[in-house]
C-alpha atoms as a PDB file:
ATOM      1  CA  MET A   1      21.952 -15.356  -7.121  1.00  0.00           C
ATOM      2  CA  THR A   2      25.642 -14.895  -7.775  1.00  0.00           C
ATOM      3  CA  THR A   3      28.179 -12.090  -8.111  1.00  0.00           C
ATOM      4  CA  THR A   4      31.829 -11.686  -9.064  1.00  0.00           C
ATOM      5  CA  ARG A   5      32.203  -8.659  -6.827  1.00  0.00           C
ATOM      6  CA  PRO A   6      34.751  -8.857  -4.009  1.00  0.00           C
ATOM      7  CA  LEU A   7      33.213  -9.404  -0.584  1.00  0.00           C
ATOM      8  CA  THR A   8      35.082  -6.506   1.022  1.00  0.00           C
ATOM      9  CA  ARG A   9      32.008  -4.474   1.778  1.00  0.00           C
ATOM     10  CA  ALA A  10      28.980  -4.562   4.056  1.00  0.00           C
ATOM     11  CA  SER A  11      25.869  -6.001   2.406  1.00  0.00           C
ATOM     12  CA  TYR A  12      22.193  -5.759   3.317  1.00  0.00           C
ATOM     13  CA  ALA A  13      19.225  -7.732   2.034  1.00  0.00           C
ATOM     14  CA  PHE A  14      15.558  -7.668   2.947  1.00  0.00           C
ATOM     15  CA  ILE A  15      12.156  -8.595   1.517  1.00  0.00           C
ATOM     16  CA  THR A  16       9.358  -6.049   1.833  1.00  0.00           C
ATOM     17  CA  VAL A  17       6.052  -4.985   0.312  1.00  0.00           C
ATOM     18  CA  ALA A  18       6.411  -3.478  -3.143  1.00  0.00           C
ATOM     19  CA  GLY A  19       4.831  -0.241  -1.897  1.00  0.00           C
ATOM     20  CA  PHE A  20       8.289   0.505  -0.540  1.00  0.00           C
ATOM     21  CA  LEU A  21       9.476   1.147  -4.097  1.00  0.00           C
ATOM     22  CA  ASN A  22       7.400   4.261  -4.735  1.00  0.00           C
ATOM     23  CA  GLY A  23       5.089   4.863  -1.777  1.00  0.00           C
ATOM     24  CA  PRO A  24       5.220   8.323  -0.157  1.00  0.00           C
ATOM     25  CA  GLY A  25       5.456   6.733   3.311  1.00  0.00           C
ATOM     26  CA  PHE A  26       8.830   5.228   2.384  1.00  0.00           C
ATOM     27  CA  GLU A  27      10.483   8.341   0.923  1.00  0.00           C
ATOM     28  CA  LYS A  28      12.739   8.893   3.940  1.00  0.00           C
ATOM     29  CA  MET A  29      13.896   5.272   3.891  1.00  0.00           C
ATOM     30  CA  ARG A  30      14.777   5.495   0.189  1.00  0.00           C
ATOM     31  CA  ASP A  31      16.692   8.700   0.962  1.00  0.00           C
ATOM     32  CA  TYR A  32      18.535   6.959   3.792  1.00  0.00           C
ATOM     33  CA  LEU A  33      19.547   3.995   1.624  1.00  0.00           C
ATOM     34  CA  ARG A  34      20.791   6.242  -1.159  1.00  0.00           C
ATOM     35  CA  ARG A  35      22.969   8.148   1.324  1.00  0.00           C
ATOM     36  CA  THR A  36      24.391   5.191   3.242  1.00  0.00           C
ATOM     37  CA  THR A  37      25.121   2.728   0.416  1.00  0.00           C
ATOM     38  CA  ASP A  38      26.727   2.933  -2.991  1.00  0.00           C
ATOM     39  CA  GLU A  39      24.767   0.303  -4.950  1.00  0.00           C
ATOM     40  CA  ILE A  40      21.204  -0.984  -4.578  1.00  0.00           C
ATOM     41  CA  TRP A  41      19.480  -3.798  -6.468  1.00  0.00           C
ATOM     42  CA  VAL A  42      15.698  -4.219  -6.448  1.00  0.00           C
ATOM     43  CA  ILE A  43      13.890  -7.360  -7.629  1.00  0.00           C
ATOM     44  CA  ASP A  44      10.140  -7.185  -8.183  1.00  0.00           C
ATOM     45  CA  CYS A  45       8.791 -10.604  -7.212  1.00  0.00           C
ATOM     46  CA  SER A  46       5.117  -9.904  -7.968  1.00  0.00           C
ATOM     47  CA  PRO A  47       4.571  -8.700 -11.540  1.00  0.00           C
ATOM     48  CA  GLU A  48       1.030 -10.096 -11.259  1.00  0.00           C
ATOM     49  CA  GLY A  49       0.070  -7.303  -8.814  1.00  0.00           C
ATOM     50  CA  TYR A  50      -2.185  -7.455  -5.772  1.00  0.00           C
ATOM     51  CA  GLN A  51      -3.859 -10.749  -4.764  1.00  0.00           C
ATOM     52  CA  PRO A  52      -2.323 -12.915  -7.490  1.00  0.00           C
ATOM     53  CA  GLU A  53      -2.958 -16.645  -7.843  1.00  0.00           C
ATOM     54  CA  VAL A  54      -1.566 -18.467  -4.814  1.00  0.00           C
ATOM     55  CA  ASN A  55       0.886 -20.560  -6.844  1.00  0.00           C
ATOM     56  CA  THR A  56       2.546 -17.367  -8.153  1.00  0.00           C
ATOM     57  CA  ARG A  57       3.323 -15.959  -4.712  1.00  0.00           C
ATOM     58  CA  ILE A  58       6.805 -16.136  -3.206  1.00  0.00           C
ATOM     59  CA  PHE A  59       5.042 -16.505   0.159  1.00  0.00           C
ATOM     60  CA  GLU A  60       1.731 -18.347  -0.220  1.00  0.00           C
ATOM     61  CA  ASP A  61      -0.120 -16.420   2.496  1.00  0.00           C
ATOM     62  CA  VAL A  62       1.023 -12.940   1.419  1.00  0.00           C
ATOM     63  CA  GLN A  63      -1.450 -11.266  -0.943  1.00  0.00           C
ATOM     64  CA  GLN A  64       0.506  -8.023  -1.330  1.00  0.00           C
ATOM     65  CA  PRO A  65       3.170  -7.614  -4.022  1.00  0.00           C
ATOM     66  CA  VAL A  66       6.660  -8.063  -2.547  1.00  0.00           C
ATOM     67  CA  CYS A  67      10.195  -7.209  -3.618  1.00  0.00           C
ATOM     68  CA  ILE A  68      13.751  -8.126  -2.678  1.00  0.00           C
ATOM     69  CA  VAL A  69      16.169  -5.284  -1.942  1.00  0.00           C
ATOM     70  CA  LEU A  70      19.932  -5.717  -1.749  1.00  0.00           C
ATOM     71  CA  ALA A  71      22.425  -2.962  -0.945  1.00  0.00           C
ATOM     72  CA  SER A  72      26.191  -2.748  -0.595  1.00  0.00           C
ATOM     73  CA  ARG A  73      28.133  -0.313   1.532  1.00  0.00           C
ATOM     74  CA  PRO A  74      31.904  -0.085   1.196  1.00  0.00           C
ATOM     75  CA  SER A  75      33.992   1.868   3.648  1.00  0.00           C
ATOM     76  CA  GLY A  76      34.095   5.562   2.815  1.00  0.00           C
ATOM     77  CA  THR A  77      30.618   5.838   1.270  1.00  0.00           C
ATOM     78  CA  ASN A  78      29.938   9.473   0.372  1.00  0.00           C
ATOM     79  CA  PRO A  79      26.548  10.510   1.869  1.00  0.00           C
ATOM     80  CA  GLU A  80      26.294  13.365  -0.637  1.00  0.00           C
ATOM     81  CA  ARG A  81      26.492  11.060  -3.661  1.00  0.00           C
ATOM     82  CA  PRO A  82      23.345   8.980  -4.184  1.00  0.00           C
ATOM     83  CA  ALA A  83      23.714   5.252  -4.593  1.00  0.00           C
ATOM     84  CA  THR A  84      23.116   3.700  -7.997  1.00  0.00           C
ATOM     85  CA  VAL A  85      19.774   1.878  -7.928  1.00  0.00           C
ATOM     86  CA  ARG A  86      19.095  -0.960 -10.369  1.00  0.00           C
ATOM     87  CA  PHE A  87      15.798  -2.770 -10.932  1.00  0.00           C
ATOM     88  CA  ARG A  88      14.513  -5.929 -12.566  1.00  0.00           C
ATOM     89  CA  VAL A  89      11.354  -8.044 -12.550  1.00  0.00           C
ATOM     90  CA  LEU A  90      11.019 -11.798 -12.052  1.00  0.00           C
ATOM     91  CA  PRO A  91       8.983 -13.603 -14.728  1.00  0.00           C
ATOM     92  CA  ALA A  92       5.247 -13.799 -14.159  1.00  0.00           C
ATOM     93  CA  GLY A  93       3.916 -17.257 -13.426  1.00  0.00           C
ATOM     94  CA  HIS A  94       4.451 -20.120 -10.992  1.00  0.00           C
ATOM     95  CA  ARG A  95       6.719 -19.538  -8.015  1.00  0.00           C
ATOM     96  CA  ARG A  96       9.033 -22.371  -9.083  1.00  0.00           C
ATOM     97  CA  ASP A  97       9.879 -20.353 -12.220  1.00  0.00           C
ATOM     98  CA  LYS A  98      10.629 -17.353 -10.040  1.00  0.00           C
ATOM     99  CA  PHE A  99      12.915 -19.373  -7.770  1.00  0.00           C
ATOM    100  CA  SER A 100      14.690 -20.712 -10.856  1.00  0.00           C
ATOM    101  CA  ALA A 101      15.194 -17.161 -12.149  1.00  0.00           C
ATOM    102  CA  LEU A 102      16.589 -16.099  -8.777  1.00  0.00           C
ATOM    103  CA  ARG A 103      19.110 -18.958  -8.820  1.00  0.00           C
ATOM    104  CA  SER A 104      20.450 -17.897 -12.204  1.00  0.00           C
ATOM    105  CA  LEU A 105      20.363 -14.154 -11.580  1.00  0.00           C
ATOM    106  CA  THR A 106      23.648 -12.230 -11.311  1.00  0.00           C
ATOM    107  CA  LEU A 107      24.301  -8.698 -10.134  1.00  0.00           C
ATOM    108  CA  ASP A 108      26.658  -8.094 -13.037  1.00  0.00           C
ATOM    109  CA  SER A 109      24.254  -8.927 -15.860  1.00  0.00           C
ATOM    110  CA  ALA A 110      23.082  -6.333 -18.363  1.00  0.00           C
ATOM    111  CA  ASP A 111      19.401  -6.959 -17.610  1.00  0.00           C
ATOM    112  CA  TRP A 112      19.150  -4.425 -14.774  1.00  0.00           C
ATOM    113  CA  ALA A 113      17.401  -1.102 -15.444  1.00  0.00           C
ATOM    114  CA  GLU A 114      18.690   2.025 -13.729  1.00  0.00           C
ATOM    115  CA  CYS A 115      16.387   4.068 -11.487  1.00  0.00           C
ATOM    116  CA  PRO A 116      16.281   7.827 -10.819  1.00  0.00           C
ATOM    117  CA  SER A 117      19.016   9.296  -8.638  1.00  0.00           C
ATOM    118  CA  GLU A 118      16.998  11.906  -6.737  1.00  0.00           C
ATOM    119  CA  TRP A 119      17.220  11.259  -3.003  1.00  0.00           C
ATOM    120  CA  ARG A 120      13.572  10.367  -2.401  1.00  0.00           C
ATOM    121  CA  ALA A 121      12.690   9.195  -5.896  1.00  0.00           C
ATOM    122  CA  SER A 122      11.142   5.796  -6.495  1.00  0.00           C
ATOM    123  CA  PHE A 123      13.119   2.586  -6.786  1.00  0.00           C
ATOM    124  CA  LEU A 124      11.571   2.000 -10.203  1.00  0.00           C
ATOM    125  CA  PRO A 125      13.129   2.477 -13.666  1.00  0.00           C
ATOM    126  CA  GLN A 126      13.082   5.871 -15.267  1.00  0.00           C
ATOM    127  CA  SER A 127      10.549   6.399 -18.024  1.00  0.00           C
ATOM    128  CA  VAL A 128      12.018   6.531 -21.519  1.00  0.00           C
ATOM    129  CA  GLY A 129      10.833   7.688 -24.916  1.00  0.00           C
ATOM    130  CA  ALA A 130       7.765   9.837 -25.510  1.00  0.00           C
ATOM    131  CA  TRP A 131       6.056   8.520 -22.364  1.00  0.00           C
ATOM    132  CA  SER A 132       8.634  10.254 -20.167  1.00  0.00           C
ATOM    133  CA  THR A 133       7.736  13.621 -21.719  1.00  0.00           C
ATOM    134  CA  TYR A 134       4.011  13.415 -20.934  1.00  0.00           C
ATOM    135  CA  PRO A 135       2.795  15.582 -18.027  1.00  0.00           C
ATOM    136  CA  GLU A 136       1.622  13.990 -14.802  1.00  0.00           C
ATOM    137  CA  LEU A 137      -1.981  14.508 -13.739  1.00  0.00           C
ATOM    138  CA  ASP A 138      -1.057  16.832 -10.882  1.00  0.00           C
ATOM    139  CA  GLU A 139       0.696  19.086 -13.425  1.00  0.00           C
ATOM    140  CA  LEU A 140      -2.602  19.549 -15.276  1.00  0.00           C
ATOM    141  CA  PHE A 141      -4.759  20.461 -12.274  1.00  0.00           C
ATOM    142  CA  ILE A 142      -4.367  23.181  -9.683  1.00  0.00           C
ATOM    143  CA  TYR A 143      -5.856  20.995  -6.948  1.00  0.00           C
ATOM    144  CA  ASN A 144      -6.203  17.309  -6.167  1.00  0.00           C
ATOM    145  CA  GLY A 145      -7.157  15.557  -2.960  1.00  0.00           C
ATOM    146  CA  SER A 146      -8.560  12.424  -1.403  1.00  0.00           C
ATOM    147  CA  GLY A 147     -12.135  11.390  -1.994  1.00  0.00           C
ATOM    148  CA  VAL A 148     -14.690  11.318   0.803  1.00  0.00           C
ATOM    149  CA  MET A 149     -13.973   8.821   3.601  1.00  0.00           C
ATOM    150  CA  PRO A 150     -17.311   8.277   5.379  1.00  0.00           C
ATOM    151  CA  GLY A 151     -15.992   5.867   8.013  1.00  0.00           C
ATOM    152  CA  ARG A 152     -19.397   4.134   8.307  1.00  0.00           C
ATOM    153  CA  THR A 153     -21.412   2.327   5.684  1.00  0.00           C
ATOM    154  CA  TRP A 154     -24.905   3.235   6.887  1.00  0.00           C
ATOM    155  CA  VAL A 155     -24.656   6.817   5.592  1.00  0.00           C
ATOM    156  CA  ILE A 156     -24.495   5.437   2.013  1.00  0.00           C
ATOM    157  CA  ALA A 157     -27.325   3.572   0.268  1.00  0.00           C
ATOM    158  CA  PRO A 158     -28.678   2.807  -3.215  1.00  0.00           C
ATOM    159  CA  ASP A 159     -31.722   5.005  -2.526  1.00  0.00           C
ATOM    160  CA  ALA A 160     -32.523   8.093  -0.475  1.00  0.00           C
ATOM    161  CA  GLU A 161     -35.475   6.575   1.391  1.00  0.00           C
ATOM    162  CA  SER A 162     -33.291   3.910   3.016  1.00  0.00           C
ATOM    163  CA  LEU A 163     -31.082   6.653   4.399  1.00  0.00           C
ATOM    164  CA  ARG A 164     -34.029   8.524   5.858  1.00  0.00           C
ATOM    165  CA  GLN A 165     -35.239   5.340   7.551  1.00  0.00           C
ATOM    166  CA  ARG A 166     -31.781   4.602   8.965  1.00  0.00           C
ATOM    167  CA  TRP A 167     -31.595   8.145  10.325  1.00  0.00           C
ATOM    168  CA  GLN A 168     -34.972   7.800  12.005  1.00  0.00           C
ATOM    169  CA  THR A 169     -33.920   4.466  13.510  1.00  0.00           C
ATOM    170  CA  LEU A 170     -30.846   6.149  14.988  1.00  0.00           C
ATOM    171  CA  ILE A 171     -32.500   9.226  16.487  1.00  0.00           C
ATOM    172  CA  ASN A 172     -35.495   7.232  17.812  1.00  0.00           C
ATOM    173  CA  ALA A 173     -33.289   4.619  19.495  1.00  0.00           C
ATOM    174  CA  PRO A 174     -32.869   4.526  23.290  1.00  0.00           C
ATOM    175  CA  SER A 175     -30.015   6.721  24.500  1.00  0.00           C
ATOM    176  CA  ASP A 176     -27.867   3.762  25.514  1.00  0.00           C
ATOM    177  CA  GLN A 177     -28.017   2.317  21.974  1.00  0.00           C
ATOM    178  CA  LYS A 178     -27.315   5.402  19.865  1.00  0.00           C
ATOM    179  CA  GLU A 179     -23.546   5.234  20.049  1.00  0.00           C
ATOM    180  CA  ARG A 180     -23.546   1.593  18.936  1.00  0.00           C
ATOM    181  CA  LEU A 181     -25.890   2.346  16.023  1.00  0.00           C
ATOM    182  CA  PHE A 182     -23.783   5.364  15.034  1.00  0.00           C
ATOM    183  CA  HIS A 183     -20.615   3.228  14.687  1.00  0.00           C
ATOM    184  CA  PRO A 184     -18.160   5.766  16.150  1.00  0.00           C
ATOM    185  CA  HIS A 185     -14.698   6.376  14.826  1.00  0.00           C
ATOM    186  CA  LEU A 186     -12.272   4.916  17.368  1.00  0.00           C
ATOM    187  CA  LEU A 187      -8.646   5.782  18.060  1.00  0.00           C
ATOM    188  CA  LYS A 188      -6.896   3.299  20.346  1.00  0.00           C
ATOM    189  CA  GLY A 189     -10.263   2.188  21.651  1.00  0.00           C
ATOM    190  CA  ARG A 190     -11.500   5.710  22.418  1.00  0.00           C
ATOM    191  CA  PRO A 191     -13.944   7.917  20.419  1.00  0.00           C
ATOM    192  CA  GLY A 192     -12.140   9.740  17.618  1.00  0.00           C
ATOM    193  CA  ASP A 193     -13.260  12.328  15.059  1.00  0.00           C
ATOM    194  CA  ARG A 194     -16.879  11.290  14.760  1.00  0.00           C
ATOM    195  CA  HIS A 195     -19.181   9.865  17.421  1.00  0.00           C
ATOM    196  CA  SER A 196     -22.776  10.513  18.468  1.00  0.00           C
ATOM    197  CA  ASN A 197     -21.812  12.955  21.231  1.00  0.00           C
ATOM    198  CA  ARG A 198     -19.387  15.008  19.158  1.00  0.00           C
ATOM    199  CA  LEU A 199     -20.437  18.615  18.571  1.00  0.00           C
ATOM    200  CA  VAL A 200     -19.531  19.633  15.015  1.00  0.00           C
ATOM    201  CA  ALA A 201     -20.070  23.355  14.572  1.00  0.00           C
ATOM    202  CA  GLN A 202     -19.530  23.624  10.816  1.00  0.00           C
ATOM    203  CA  GLY A 203     -21.630  22.081   8.091  1.00  0.00           C
ATOM    204  CA  LEU A 204     -20.306  20.894   4.774  1.00  0.00           C
ATOM    205  CA  PRO A 205     -19.877  23.673   2.180  1.00  0.00           C
ATOM    206  CA  GLY A 206     -23.287  24.375   0.678  1.00  0.00           C
ATOM    207  CA  TYR A 207     -25.200  23.013   3.692  1.00  0.00           C
ATOM    208  CA  ASP A 208     -26.370  24.702   6.867  1.00  0.00           C
ATOM    209  CA  PRO A 209     -24.592  23.618  10.070  1.00  0.00           C
ATOM    210  CA  ARG A 210     -26.360  21.387  12.557  1.00  0.00           C
ATOM    211  CA  PRO A 211     -24.844  22.520  15.893  1.00  0.00           C
ATOM    212  CA  THR A 212     -26.549  19.690  17.753  1.00  0.00           C
ATOM    213  CA  ARG A 213     -25.002  16.425  18.875  1.00  0.00           C
ATOM    214  CA  VAL A 214     -26.409  13.480  16.932  1.00  0.00           C
ATOM    215  CA  ALA A 215     -27.264  11.841  20.267  1.00  0.00           C
ATOM    216  CA  ASN A 216     -29.602  14.788  20.982  1.00  0.00           C
ATOM    217  CA  GLU A 217     -30.943  15.206  17.462  1.00  0.00           C
ATOM    218  CA  ARG A 218     -34.704  15.072  16.921  1.00  0.00           C
ATOM    219  CA  GLY A 219     -35.129  16.547  13.434  1.00  0.00           C
ATOM    220  CA  PRO A 220     -35.091  14.919   9.999  1.00  0.00           C
ATOM    221  CA  CYS A 221     -31.831  14.128   8.272  1.00  0.00           C
ATOM    222  CA  ILE A 222     -30.297  16.506   5.755  1.00  0.00           C
ATOM    223  CA  PRO A 223     -31.766  15.496   2.379  1.00  0.00           C
ATOM    224  CA  PRO A 224     -29.555  12.803   0.816  1.00  0.00           C
ATOM    225  CA  VAL A 225     -27.675  13.585  -2.409  1.00  0.00           C
ATOM    226  CA  ARG A 226     -26.258  11.433  -5.185  1.00  0.00           C
ATOM    227  CA  TYR A 227     -22.764  10.083  -4.478  1.00  0.00           C
ATOM    228  CA  GLY A 228     -19.995   8.623  -6.627  1.00  0.00           C
ATOM    229  CA  PHE A 229     -19.422   5.448  -4.609  1.00  0.00           C
ATOM    230  CA  ARG A 230     -17.458   3.582  -7.295  1.00  0.00           C
ATOM    231  CA  SER A 231     -16.610   4.254 -10.940  1.00  0.00           C
ATOM    232  CA  PHE A 232     -19.725   2.410 -12.105  1.00  0.00           C
ATOM    233  CA  ASP A 233     -21.810   2.547  -8.932  1.00  0.00           C
ATOM    234  CA  ARG A 234     -23.773   5.714  -8.107  1.00  0.00           C
ATOM    235  CA  GLN A 235     -25.398   5.748  -4.681  1.00  0.00           C
ATOM    236  CA  TRP A 236     -26.781   8.286  -2.186  1.00  0.00           C
ATOM    237  CA  ILE A 237     -25.173   9.833   0.900  1.00  0.00           C
ATOM    238  CA  ILE A 238     -26.375  11.993   3.801  1.00  0.00           C
ATOM    239  CA  PRO A 239     -24.307  15.219   3.442  1.00  0.00           C
ATOM    240  CA  ASP A 240     -24.009  15.781   7.181  1.00  0.00           C
ATOM    241  CA  ASN A 241     -20.583  16.784   8.490  1.00  0.00           C
ATOM    242  CA  ARG A 242     -21.371  15.085  11.810  1.00  0.00           C
ATOM    243  CA  LEU A 243     -21.594  11.686  10.102  1.00  0.00           C
ATOM    244  CA  ILE A 244     -18.510  11.655   7.835  1.00  0.00           C
ATOM    245  CA  ASN A 245     -15.028  11.018   9.225  1.00  0.00           C
ATOM    246  CA  ARG A 246     -13.055  12.749   6.448  1.00  0.00           C
ATOM    247  CA  PRO A 247     -15.402  14.674   4.131  1.00  0.00           C
ATOM    248  CA  ASN A 248     -12.725  16.759   2.329  1.00  0.00           C
ATOM    249  CA  PRO A 249     -14.549  20.129   2.365  1.00  0.00           C
ATOM    250  CA  GLU A 250     -12.650  21.260  -0.751  1.00  0.00           C
ATOM    251  CA  LEU A 251     -14.552  18.719  -2.835  1.00  0.00           C
ATOM    252  CA  TRP A 252     -17.915  19.786  -1.421  1.00  0.00           C
ATOM    253  CA  ALA A 253     -17.043  23.437  -2.052  1.00  0.00           C
ATOM    254  CA  SER A 254     -16.355  22.604  -5.697  1.00  0.00           C
ATOM    255  CA  ARG A 255     -19.619  20.682  -6.149  1.00  0.00           C
ATOM    256  CA  SER A 256     -22.043  21.960  -8.803  1.00  0.00           C
ATOM    257  CA  GLU A 257     -24.084  20.674 -11.707  1.00  0.00           C
ATOM    258  CA  HIS A 258     -21.202  21.722 -13.984  1.00  0.00           C
ATOM    259  CA  GLN A 259     -18.429  19.988 -12.053  1.00  0.00           C
ATOM    260  CA  VAL A 260     -16.633  16.899 -13.340  1.00  0.00           C
ATOM    261  CA  TYR A 261     -14.293  14.941 -11.076  1.00  0.00           C
ATOM    262  CA  LEU A 262     -11.524  12.762 -12.426  1.00  0.00           C
ATOM    263  CA  THR A 263     -10.344   9.871 -10.217  1.00  0.00           C
ATOM    264  CA  ALA A 264      -7.177   7.839 -10.674  1.00  0.00           C
ATOM    265  CA  LEU A 265      -4.569   5.824  -8.838  1.00  0.00           C
ATOM    266  CA  ILE A 266      -1.327   7.674  -8.160  1.00  0.00           C
ATOM    267  CA  GLN A 267       0.910   5.372  -6.108  1.00  0.00           C
ATOM    268  CA  HIS A 268      -0.197   2.182  -7.874  1.00  0.00           C
ATOM    269  CA  ALA A 269      -0.582   1.378 -11.555  1.00  0.00           C
ATOM    270  CA  PRO A 270      -3.853  -0.222 -12.690  1.00  0.00           C
ATOM    271  CA  SER A 271      -3.341  -3.739 -14.036  1.00  0.00           C
ATOM    272  CA  ALA A 272      -6.439  -3.678 -16.263  1.00  0.00           C
ATOM    273  CA  GLY A 273      -9.289  -1.401 -17.278  1.00  0.00           C
ATOM    274  CA  PRO A 274      -9.284   2.376 -17.730  1.00  0.00           C
ATOM    275  CA  ALA A 275      -6.403   4.440 -16.373  1.00  0.00           C
ATOM    276  CA  LEU A 276      -8.840   6.996 -14.946  1.00  0.00           C
ATOM    277  CA  THR A 277     -12.572   7.528 -14.598  1.00  0.00           C
ATOM    278  CA  PHE A 278     -14.918  10.516 -14.436  1.00  0.00           C
ATOM    279  CA  THR A 279     -17.967  11.404 -12.370  1.00  0.00           C
ATOM    280  CA  GLY A 280     -20.163  14.441 -11.888  1.00  0.00           C
ATOM    281  CA  LEU A 281     -20.860  13.357  -8.287  1.00  0.00           C
ATOM    282  CA  ILE A 282     -18.831  13.845  -5.101  1.00  0.00           C
ATOM    283  CA  PRO A 283     -16.535  10.776  -5.210  1.00  0.00           C
ATOM    284  CA  ASP A 284     -15.685   8.290  -2.483  1.00  0.00           C
ATOM    285  CA  LEU A 285     -12.115   7.700  -1.312  1.00  0.00           C
ATOM    286  CA  HIS A 286     -12.081   4.394  -3.222  1.00  0.00           C
ATOM    287  CA  HIS A 287     -14.156   5.614  -6.165  1.00  0.00           C
ATOM    288  CA  TYR A 288     -11.667   4.499  -8.806  1.00  0.00           C
ATOM    289  CA  LYS A 289     -11.569   0.756  -8.057  1.00  0.00           C
ATOM    290  CA  GLY A 290     -12.911   0.035  -4.579  1.00  0.00           C
ATOM    291  CA  SER A 291      -9.489  -0.093  -2.878  1.00  0.00           C
ATOM    292  CA  PHE A 292      -6.064   1.594  -2.820  1.00  0.00           C
ATOM    293  CA  GLY A 293      -7.598   5.060  -2.574  1.00  0.00           C
ATOM    294  CA  GLY A 294      -6.287   7.309  -5.342  1.00  0.00           C
ATOM    295  CA  ARG A 295      -6.750  11.019  -5.944  1.00  0.00           C
ATOM    296  CA  VAL A 296      -9.628  13.206  -7.058  1.00  0.00           C
ATOM    297  CA  PHE A 297      -9.087  16.024  -9.566  1.00  0.00           C
ATOM    298  CA  PRO A 298     -11.945  18.559  -9.846  1.00  0.00           C
ATOM    299  CA  SER A 299     -11.823  19.846 -13.409  1.00  0.00           C
ATOM    300  CA  GLY A 300     -14.341  22.662 -13.638  1.00  0.00           C
ATOM    301  CA  ALA A 301     -15.725  25.710 -11.885  1.00  0.00           C
ATOM    302  CA  THR A 302     -18.435  25.697  -9.252  1.00  0.00           C
ATOM    303  CA  ALA A 303     -21.688  27.596  -9.432  1.00  0.00           C
ATOM    304  CA  THR A 304     -20.491  29.902  -6.636  1.00  0.00           C
ATOM    305  CA  PRO A 305     -19.533  33.460  -7.702  1.00  0.00           C
ATOM    306  CA  GLY A 306     -15.818  34.074  -7.312  1.00  0.00           C
ATOM    307  CA  CYS A 307     -15.002  30.352  -7.326  1.00  0.00           C
ATOM    308  CA  ARG A 308     -11.691  29.163  -8.647  1.00  0.00           C
ATOM    309  CA  ILE A 309     -11.179  27.014 -11.699  1.00  0.00           C
ATOM    310  CA  PHE A 310      -9.116  23.901 -11.020  1.00  0.00           C
ATOM    311  CA  LEU A 311      -7.442  23.660 -14.420  1.00  0.00           C
ATOM    312  CA  PRO A 312      -4.348  25.785 -15.085  1.00  0.00           C
ATOM    313  CA  PRO A 313      -4.937  28.864 -17.277  1.00  0.00           C
ATOM    314  CA  SER A 314      -3.502  27.121 -20.366  1.00  0.00           C
ATOM    315  CA  LEU A 315      -6.315  24.559 -20.211  1.00  0.00           C
ATOM    316  CA  HIS A 316      -9.285  26.756 -19.330  1.00  0.00           C
ATOM    317  CA  THR A 317     -12.430  25.930 -21.268  1.00  0.00           C
ATOM    318  CA  SER A 318     -13.839  28.159 -23.928  1.00  0.00           C
ATOM    319  CA  ASP A 319     -16.853  28.025 -26.213  1.00  0.00           C
ATOM    320  CA  LYS A 320     -14.808  25.585 -28.319  1.00  0.00           C
ATOM    321  CA  GLY A 321     -14.001  23.264 -25.426  1.00  0.00           C
ATOM    322  CA  ILE A 322     -10.689  22.765 -23.634  1.00  0.00           C
ATOM    323  CA  ARG A 323      -7.962  24.997 -25.029  1.00  0.00           C
ATOM    324  CA  ALA A 324      -4.608  23.267 -25.416  1.00  0.00           C
ATOM    325  CA  PRO A 325      -1.407  25.028 -24.287  1.00  0.00           C
END
């Protein structure tokens, strides 16, 4: 990599995971770099995405996409004027081709694409053309949230009877084995949100509370319900608030036979397959593709009187279907 720029300025360079470019956890760092430098160059080293072929990786043992970030800071940088951020991608393929591209790359070439200038905006190029005018998903829905995060696999099964048998195994176990069978949520080695001795006063919306510790429970399990485990994998789950680490009550409150949930990635772009999927069942945190989370967008009303519709008024359904703005 070469440059004709004078070396009369401070320069920074680092290699990091590509999630830095647009992840919400890195917003403050992007803000800081824009305020403390005047020019930033970003090189995407992993156009193949997550877990690419080993011979395409800059670092053989690193499965995550990575990027190179360079920044310059002359004396007198104005912290109220955001740095110019430029972006480019290395060619997909063998790492030797990427190293060759890096050797011939210059900071002054015309191949760099400019990125947004907002303080916490992504370090990715701005959208152009018609695509940039399309609304984002969260502009079309009043609410979106994470899918259900059970925190333990035994509360999910391909059939309801297996769940009933697992429940009976747990409550019939000797007292000194129940916590191990429960698989408690741990924080720094100590019981966290869900464990067999935790008293959870509230039930999930639509289900009666069970104000009894699981360790002291003697009754049958709450009847299992169908569950959107993955986009093409419907399973069953025990809808018991004592058993689920992060149930997202808003989703359960919106559940009805008329509800349709849309799931999609937000912080990552899919590399293949559909851009979003639909389910009429309460969806899992990783419903969309089995990893990387995503968001859930309830699209319709619940069966509960006085419920709210999750589409904005301009898209409410009518007898002719969804009404366009």
